[in-house]
Amino acid sequence: MESLGSKKRKRCCTDEEVLERREQILLAATELFAEHGFSDAMTQALADRLGVGKGTIYRHFPSKRDLFLAAADRVMRKLQEQVLANIAGIEDGLEQVSRGLRAFLRFFADHPEYVEMLIQERAQFKDRKQPTYFEHRQVNVQRWRHLYTRLIAEGRVRPMPVETISDVIGNLIYGTMFTNYFAGQAKPVEQQADDILQVVLCGILTLPERERWLGSMTAAQAAS
């Protein structure tokens, strides 16, 4: 005779199955939110899309708000995974910067629905102290600041606050992501990444002009 414990184990899912179901829900929810917006995306429509009852969704996510924020969090986790996969095993610091930047732009170019999620979060959840994008950026930025510190120590990047480097590059690719989304991808990702890297790493000034400009800026800061 089958024991009660055995019957319960049969009814329950394994941890892997729970995670897989959760991932399926978040993937389908991201598509639904991107297509219809947070307000018009119906939980019943999501359940129909997944072929499950609404109770299945509520067991994983108690509210639509929880579901949306978990989907936005998944976007950022996937971004981090893609960036890390592209720099894995690369020792050269500048090559890591190049590959990380390309991975970032390619990720959002391949998944415009992810950009839409970030836009909707800003519009719908203004009560949040910090959007999901910046929560993840704050956590992950330390890796890049350590890398810039190493590049400065190696004499490959000129001495300057690593916070300035990471903030400027981070803001640059963040803005590029939205420009691509709203105005369309004017250039292939690789060409766009090349243009950004050329301007960031090489600058636009000739060496004499750069020295003159840096000198005048330092003097102006000292006088202020």
Protein backbone atom coordinates (compact mmCIF):
# COMPACT_ATOMS: atom_id res chain seq x y z
CA MET A 1 0.00 0.00 0.00
CA GLU A 2 1.34 3.42 -0.92
CA SER A 3 2.23 5.60 2.09
CA LEU A 4 0.88 9.12 2.62
CA GLY A 5 4.41 10.49 2.51
CA SER A 6 4.96 8.88 -0.85
CA LYS A 7 1.74 10.36 -2.18
CA LYS A 8 2.78 13.82 -0.93
CA ARG A 9 6.17 13.55 -2.62
CA LYS A 10 4.44 12.65 -5.87
CA ARG A 11 2.22 15.70 -5.62
CA CYS A 12 5.10 18.05 -4.83
CA CYS A 13 7.61 19.33 -7.36
CA THR A 14 11.34 19.10 -7.06
CA ASP A 15 13.31 22.31 -6.52
CA GLU A 16 14.43 22.14 -10.15
CA GLU A 17 10.83 21.86 -11.33
CA VAL A 18 9.78 24.81 -9.17
CA LEU A 19 12.60 26.94 -10.57
CA GLU A 20 11.78 25.84 -14.11
CA ARG A 21 8.11 26.74 -13.68
CA ARG A 22 9.06 30.08 -12.14
CA GLU A 23 11.34 30.78 -15.09
CA GLN A 24 8.57 29.92 -17.55
CA ILE A 25 6.19 32.28 -15.80
CA LEU A 26 8.69 35.13 -15.76
CA LEU A 27 9.57 34.65 -19.42
CA ALA A 28 5.92 34.65 -20.51
CA ALA A 29 5.10 37.55 -18.16
CA THR A 30 7.92 39.65 -19.64
CA GLU A 31 6.49 39.16 -23.14
CA LEU A 32 2.98 39.95 -21.94
CA PHE A 33 3.98 43.10 -20.03
CA ALA A 34 6.05 44.30 -22.98
CA GLU A 35 3.15 43.76 -25.39
CA HIS A 36 0.30 45.18 -23.30
CA GLY A 37 1.87 47.24 -20.53
CA PHE A 38 1.63 46.59 -16.80
CA SER A 39 -1.92 47.96 -16.37
CA ASP A 40 -3.48 46.08 -19.28
CA ALA A 41 -1.63 42.78 -18.85
CA MET A 42 -4.16 40.38 -17.33
CA THR A 43 -3.13 37.50 -15.10
CA GLN A 44 -5.73 35.31 -16.81
CA ALA A 45 -4.10 36.02 -20.18
CA LEU A 46 -0.78 34.94 -18.74
CA ALA A 47 -2.31 31.77 -17.34
CA ASP A 48 -3.87 31.02 -20.74
CA ARG A 49 -0.55 31.61 -22.46
CA LEU A 50 1.16 29.17 -20.10
CA GLY A 51 -1.71 26.67 -20.12
CA VAL A 52 -2.07 26.75 -16.32
CA GLY A 53 -4.59 28.02 -13.81
CA LYS A 54 -4.18 31.47 -12.23
CA GLY A 55 -3.55 29.72 -8.90
CA THR A 56 -0.28 28.37 -10.26
CA ILE A 57 0.93 31.90 -10.95
CA TYR A 58 -0.20 33.20 -7.56
CA ARG A 59 1.62 30.37 -5.79
CA HIS A 60 4.86 31.76 -7.20
CA PHE A 61 3.99 35.47 -7.20
CA PRO A 62 1.35 36.77 -4.76
CA SER A 63 0.51 39.88 -6.81
CA LYS A 64 0.95 41.35 -10.28
CA ARG A 65 3.36 43.86 -8.80
CA ASP A 66 5.51 41.04 -7.38
CA LEU A 67 5.38 39.30 -10.73
CA PHE A 68 6.44 42.39 -12.66
CA LEU A 69 9.32 43.24 -10.33
CA ALA A 70 10.54 39.64 -10.39
CA ALA A 71 10.45 39.76 -14.20
CA ALA A 72 12.46 43.00 -14.18
CA ASP A 73 14.93 41.40 -11.78
CA ARG A 74 15.24 38.43 -14.13
CA VAL A 75 16.12 40.80 -16.98
CA MET A 76 19.03 42.17 -15.02
CA ARG A 77 20.21 38.72 -13.91
CA LYS A 78 20.19 37.57 -17.53
CA LEU A 79 22.18 40.66 -18.53
CA GLN A 80 24.78 39.92 -15.88
CA GLU A 81 24.99 36.29 -17.00
CA GLN A 82 25.56 37.35 -20.61
CA VAL A 83 28.24 39.88 -19.69
CA LEU A 84 30.08 37.42 -17.44
CA ALA A 85 29.88 34.68 -20.08
CA ASN A 86 31.48 37.02 -22.62
CA ILE A 87 34.41 38.01 -20.41
CA ALA A 88 35.00 34.56 -18.86
CA GLY A 89 38.60 33.44 -19.29
CA ILE A 90 39.75 36.81 -20.67
CA GLU A 91 42.80 38.11 -18.82
CA ASP A 92 43.39 41.33 -20.76
CA GLY A 93 41.57 44.12 -18.92
CA LEU A 94 40.83 46.30 -21.94
CA GLU A 95 39.52 43.28 -23.81
CA GLN A 96 37.18 42.65 -20.88
CA VAL A 97 35.89 46.22 -21.16
CA SER A 98 35.37 45.77 -24.89
CA ARG A 99 33.58 42.45 -24.57
CA GLY A 100 31.47 43.59 -21.64
CA LEU A 101 30.29 46.68 -23.51
CA ARG A 102 29.46 44.66 -26.63
CA ALA A 103 27.58 42.07 -24.57
CA PHE A 104 25.52 44.82 -22.92
CA LEU A 105 24.49 46.43 -26.21
CA ARG A 106 23.84 43.07 -27.92
CA PHE A 107 21.69 41.88 -25.02
CA PHE A 108 19.24 44.75 -25.29
CA ALA A 109 19.39 44.85 -29.11
CA ASP A 110 18.34 41.19 -29.17
CA HIS A 111 15.65 41.72 -26.52
CA PRO A 112 13.90 45.08 -26.95
CA GLU A 113 11.13 43.79 -24.68
CA TYR A 114 13.63 43.98 -21.82
CA VAL A 115 14.13 47.71 -22.43
CA GLU A 116 10.35 48.10 -22.38
CA MET A 117 10.26 46.42 -18.95
CA LEU A 118 12.76 48.93 -17.55
CA ILE A 119 10.75 51.82 -18.98
CA GLN A 120 7.51 50.51 -17.51
CA GLU A 121 9.07 50.01 -14.11
CA ARG A 122 10.08 53.66 -13.99
CA ALA A 123 6.57 54.72 -15.00
CA GLN A 124 4.56 52.36 -12.79
CA PHE A 125 6.57 52.08 -9.60
CA LYS A 126 7.73 55.56 -8.75
CA ASP A 127 7.46 54.67 -5.06
CA ARG A 128 10.56 52.49 -5.37
CA LYS A 129 13.65 54.15 -3.95
CA GLN A 130 15.84 52.65 -6.64
CA PRO A 131 14.83 50.97 -9.93
CA THR A 132 15.94 47.37 -10.50
CA TYR A 133 18.48 48.41 -13.13
CA PHE A 134 20.37 50.61 -10.68
CA GLU A 135 20.11 48.10 -7.84
CA HIS A 136 21.98 45.58 -9.98
CA ARG A 137 24.35 48.18 -11.36
CA GLN A 138 25.34 49.21 -7.83
CA VAL A 139 26.17 45.59 -6.98
CA ASN A 140 28.03 44.78 -10.18
CA VAL A 141 29.96 48.03 -10.60
CA GLN A 142 32.58 46.97 -8.05
CA ARG A 143 33.94 44.36 -10.45
CA TRP A 144 34.55 47.04 -13.07
CA ARG A 145 36.08 49.48 -10.60
CA HIS A 146 38.56 46.82 -9.52
CA LEU A 147 39.38 46.24 -13.17
CA TYR A 148 39.97 49.97 -13.84
CA THR A 149 42.14 50.14 -10.71
CA ARG A 150 44.25 47.30 -12.13
CA LEU A 151 44.51 48.97 -15.53
CA ILE A 152 45.70 52.21 -13.89
CA ALA A 153 48.28 50.27 -11.84
CA GLU A 154 49.49 48.60 -15.05
CA GLY A 155 49.93 52.02 -16.65
CA ARG A 156 47.38 51.29 -19.35
CA VAL A 157 44.75 53.81 -18.20
CA ARG A 158 45.71 57.27 -17.01
CA PRO A 159 45.25 57.90 -13.28
CA MET A 160 41.79 59.20 -12.46
CA PRO A 161 38.99 58.21 -10.06
CA VAL A 162 37.71 54.78 -11.07
CA GLU A 163 34.23 55.90 -9.99
CA THR A 164 34.37 58.52 -12.75
CA ILE A 165 35.34 55.91 -15.35
CA SER A 166 32.67 53.41 -14.36
CA ASP A 167 29.97 56.08 -14.05
CA VAL A 168 30.72 57.66 -17.44
CA ILE A 169 30.88 54.36 -19.32
CA GLY A 170 27.85 53.01 -17.46
CA ASN A 171 25.79 56.11 -18.24
CA LEU A 172 26.96 56.07 -21.86
CA ILE A 173 25.80 52.55 -22.61
CA TYR A 174 22.62 53.05 -20.54
CA GLY A 175 21.71 56.05 -22.70
CA THR A 176 22.68 54.23 -25.89
CA MET A 177 20.34 51.37 -24.97
CA PHE A 178 17.37 53.75 -24.76
CA THR A 179 18.37 55.70 -27.87
CA ASN A 180 18.48 52.45 -29.83
CA TYR A 181 15.09 51.48 -28.49
CA PHE A 182 13.33 54.78 -29.20
CA ALA A 183 15.11 55.81 -32.42
CA GLY A 184 15.98 52.40 -33.81
CA GLN A 185 19.34 50.67 -34.13
CA ALA A 186 21.12 53.05 -36.53
CA LYS A 187 24.20 50.83 -36.77
CA PRO A 188 24.98 47.16 -36.14
CA VAL A 189 25.91 46.49 -32.52
CA GLU A 190 29.53 45.71 -33.32
CA GLN A 191 30.02 48.97 -35.24
CA GLN A 192 28.27 50.95 -32.53
CA ALA A 193 30.48 49.33 -29.88
CA ASP A 194 33.61 50.12 -31.94
CA ASP A 195 32.59 53.80 -32.17
CA ILE A 196 31.97 54.06 -28.41
CA LEU A 197 35.22 52.32 -27.51
CA GLN A 198 37.21 54.49 -29.91
CA VAL A 199 35.88 57.71 -28.39
CA VAL A 200 36.09 56.49 -24.77
CA LEU A 201 39.51 54.85 -24.95
CA CYS A 202 41.23 57.16 -27.42
CA GLY A 203 39.29 60.40 -26.93
CA ILE A 204 38.72 62.96 -29.66
CA LEU A 205 41.60 65.33 -28.94
CA THR A 206 45.11 65.22 -30.30
CA LEU A 207 47.79 64.69 -27.62
CA PRO A 208 48.92 68.37 -27.55
CA GLU A 209 45.35 69.58 -27.42
CA ARG A 210 44.52 67.10 -24.66
CA GLU A 211 47.41 68.41 -22.54
CA ARG A 212 46.31 72.00 -23.12
CA TRP A 213 42.69 71.22 -22.30
CA LEU A 214 43.50 69.23 -19.15
CA GLY A 215 45.78 72.05 -17.99
CA SER A 216 43.12 74.70 -18.46
CA MET A 217 40.51 72.54 -16.70
CA THR A 218 42.84 71.96 -13.72
CA ALA A 219 43.54 75.69 -13.46
CA ALA A 220 39.82 76.48 -13.59
CA GLN A 221 39.09 73.95 -10.83
CA ALA A 222 41.88 75.38 -8.66
CA ALA A 223 40.52 78.90 -9.05
CA SER A 224 36.94 77.98 -8.21
